[in-house]
Amino acid sequence: MGKYNLGKATTKQNDKIVNEGIYVNENKANILVKDINKQLDNVSLSLHKINILLNHATTLGLVKGARSTAFKGWAKKSKAQAENALRIKEKLEIKYNDDVKNYPIKLLDERIAELEKRIEDLTKNM
């Protein structure tokens, strides 16, 4: 499969967004994560089908010579990308679930630190 340069990916963030206070609504995020997982499954399935079709084209002799070599390379690449889509799906689920579990703990830690600071300030003023 030929290599294509798609350029450097850039995402511009609005200057008004403060990263420290940002959080995601879990109920709305669950819907998005499920949709992303579904789309990754579809991508993986489509790439797997492409792999099968390209391999069939070479084994049936529909393409020969340099094109056959190219088709085999594309088939191999599509199989690798199909597996990669499934790995991305697994990583997303693991990291998202970890973030969902750790967020309440982070909030409690911040609240405890704030209360400890208030107690310290009150004891100093006595």
Protein backbone atom coordinates (compact mmCIF):
# COMPACT_ATOMS: atom_id res chain seq x y z
CA MET A 1 0.00 0.00 0.00
CA GLY A 2 1.42 3.37 -0.94
CA LYS A 3 2.29 5.86 1.73
CA TYR A 4 0.39 9.11 1.77
CA ASN A 5 1.27 12.19 3.74
CA LEU A 6 -1.91 13.67 5.15
CA GLY A 7 -0.06 16.48 6.90
CA LYS A 8 0.26 17.23 10.56
CA ALA A 9 -2.94 16.87 12.55
CA THR A 10 -3.79 19.98 14.52
CA THR A 11 -6.70 20.77 16.77
CA LYS A 12 -7.21 24.34 17.84
CA GLN A 13 -8.59 24.86 21.31
CA ASN A 14 -10.62 27.89 22.21
CA ASP A 15 -8.64 30.31 24.39
CA LYS A 16 -11.61 30.70 26.76
CA ILE A 17 -11.51 27.02 27.80
CA VAL A 18 -9.79 26.43 31.13
CA ASN A 19 -8.49 22.86 31.25
CA GLU A 20 -8.33 22.74 35.04
CA GLY A 21 -12.09 22.91 35.57
CA ILE A 22 -13.20 20.84 32.61
CA TYR A 23 -15.15 17.63 33.08
CA VAL A 24 -17.34 15.45 30.90
CA ASN A 25 -20.91 14.52 31.70
CA GLU A 26 -20.71 10.74 32.08
CA ASN A 27 -24.28 10.12 30.90
CA LYS A 28 -23.70 11.96 27.63
CA ALA A 29 -20.19 10.57 27.21
CA ASN A 30 -21.41 6.98 27.52
CA ILE A 31 -23.54 7.46 24.41
CA LEU A 32 -20.54 8.86 22.51
CA VAL A 33 -18.22 6.07 23.65
CA LYS A 34 -20.74 3.42 22.58
CA ASP A 35 -21.03 5.09 19.18
CA ILE A 36 -17.25 5.27 18.80
CA ASN A 37 -16.98 1.58 19.69
CA LYS A 38 -19.66 0.73 17.14
CA GLN A 39 -17.88 2.75 14.46
CA LEU A 40 -14.55 1.08 15.26
CA ASP A 41 -16.23 -2.32 14.96
CA ASN A 42 -17.61 -1.28 11.57
CA VAL A 43 -14.18 -0.06 10.44
CA SER A 44 -12.56 -3.29 11.56
CA LEU A 45 -15.20 -5.41 9.82
CA SER A 46 -14.91 -3.40 6.59
CA LEU A 47 -11.12 -3.65 6.56
CA HIS A 48 -11.35 -7.38 7.20
CA LYS A 49 -13.72 -7.76 4.23
CA ILE A 50 -11.33 -5.73 2.08
CA ASN A 51 -8.54 -8.09 3.14
CA ILE A 52 -10.59 -11.11 2.08
CA LEU A 53 -11.54 -9.59 -1.29
CA LEU A 54 -7.97 -8.58 -2.10
CA ASN A 55 -6.69 -12.04 -1.19
CA HIS A 56 -9.40 -13.67 -3.33
CA ALA A 57 -8.44 -11.48 -6.28
CA THR A 58 -4.84 -12.67 -6.09
CA THR A 59 -5.59 -16.35 -5.44
CA LEU A 60 -8.14 -16.53 -8.26
CA GLY A 61 -5.62 -14.97 -10.63
CA LEU A 62 -7.71 -11.88 -11.38
CA VAL A 63 -4.56 -9.76 -11.02
CA LYS A 64 -1.04 -10.76 -11.94
CA GLY A 65 2.48 -9.48 -11.71
CA ALA A 66 3.09 -6.16 -9.98
CA ARG A 67 -0.60 -5.65 -9.33
CA SER A 68 -0.79 -9.00 -7.57
CA THR A 69 2.09 -7.97 -5.33
CA ALA A 70 0.38 -4.65 -4.62
CA PHE A 71 -2.92 -6.39 -3.83
CA LYS A 72 -1.16 -8.73 -1.40
CA GLY A 73 0.48 -5.76 0.28
CA TRP A 74 -2.83 -3.93 0.55
CA ALA A 75 -4.48 -7.06 1.95
CA LYS A 76 -1.79 -7.36 4.61
CA LYS A 77 -2.11 -3.66 5.48
CA SER A 78 -5.91 -3.82 5.70
CA LYS A 79 -5.69 -6.82 8.04
CA ALA A 80 -3.23 -4.97 10.27
CA GLN A 81 -5.43 -1.88 10.34
CA ALA A 82 -8.51 -3.99 11.17
CA GLU A 83 -6.68 -5.42 14.17
CA ASN A 84 -5.45 -1.94 15.09
CA ALA A 85 -9.04 -0.62 15.15
CA LEU A 86 -9.96 -3.32 17.66
CA ARG A 87 -6.93 -2.45 19.83
CA ILE A 88 -7.94 1.21 19.77
CA LYS A 89 -11.44 0.21 20.87
CA GLU A 90 -10.08 -1.80 23.80
CA LYS A 91 -7.72 0.98 24.88
CA LEU A 92 -10.53 3.55 24.69
CA GLU A 93 -12.79 1.44 26.89
CA ILE A 94 -10.06 0.80 29.47
CA LYS A 95 -8.94 4.42 29.67
CA TYR A 96 -12.49 5.78 29.72
CA ASN A 97 -13.55 3.40 32.51
CA ASP A 98 -10.43 4.33 34.50
CA ASP A 99 -11.22 8.02 34.12
CA VAL A 100 -14.84 7.49 35.17
CA LYS A 101 -13.70 5.61 38.30
CA ASN A 102 -10.92 8.07 39.19
CA TYR A 103 -12.94 11.29 38.76
CA PRO A 104 -14.96 11.02 42.02
CA ILE A 105 -11.75 10.14 43.89
CA LYS A 106 -10.06 13.21 42.42
CA LEU A 107 -12.99 15.39 43.52
CA LEU A 108 -12.81 13.98 47.04
CA ASP A 109 -9.05 14.56 47.23
CA GLU A 110 -9.49 18.17 46.13
CA ARG A 111 -12.29 18.71 48.66
CA ILE A 112 -10.24 17.16 51.47
CA ALA A 113 -7.25 19.35 50.58
CA GLU A 114 -9.49 22.43 50.60
CA LEU A 115 -10.94 21.52 54.00
CA GLU A 116 -7.48 20.84 55.43
CA LYS A 117 -6.36 24.26 54.25
CA ARG A 118 -9.37 25.92 55.87
CA ILE A 119 -8.71 24.10 59.14
CA GLU A 120 -5.07 25.15 59.03
CA ASP A 121 -6.07 28.77 58.39
CA LEU A 122 -8.54 28.68 61.28
CA THR A 123 -5.98 27.22 63.70
CA LYS A 124 -3.41 29.86 62.73
CA ASN A 125 -5.89 32.67 63.39
CA MET A 126 -6.68 31.47 66.93
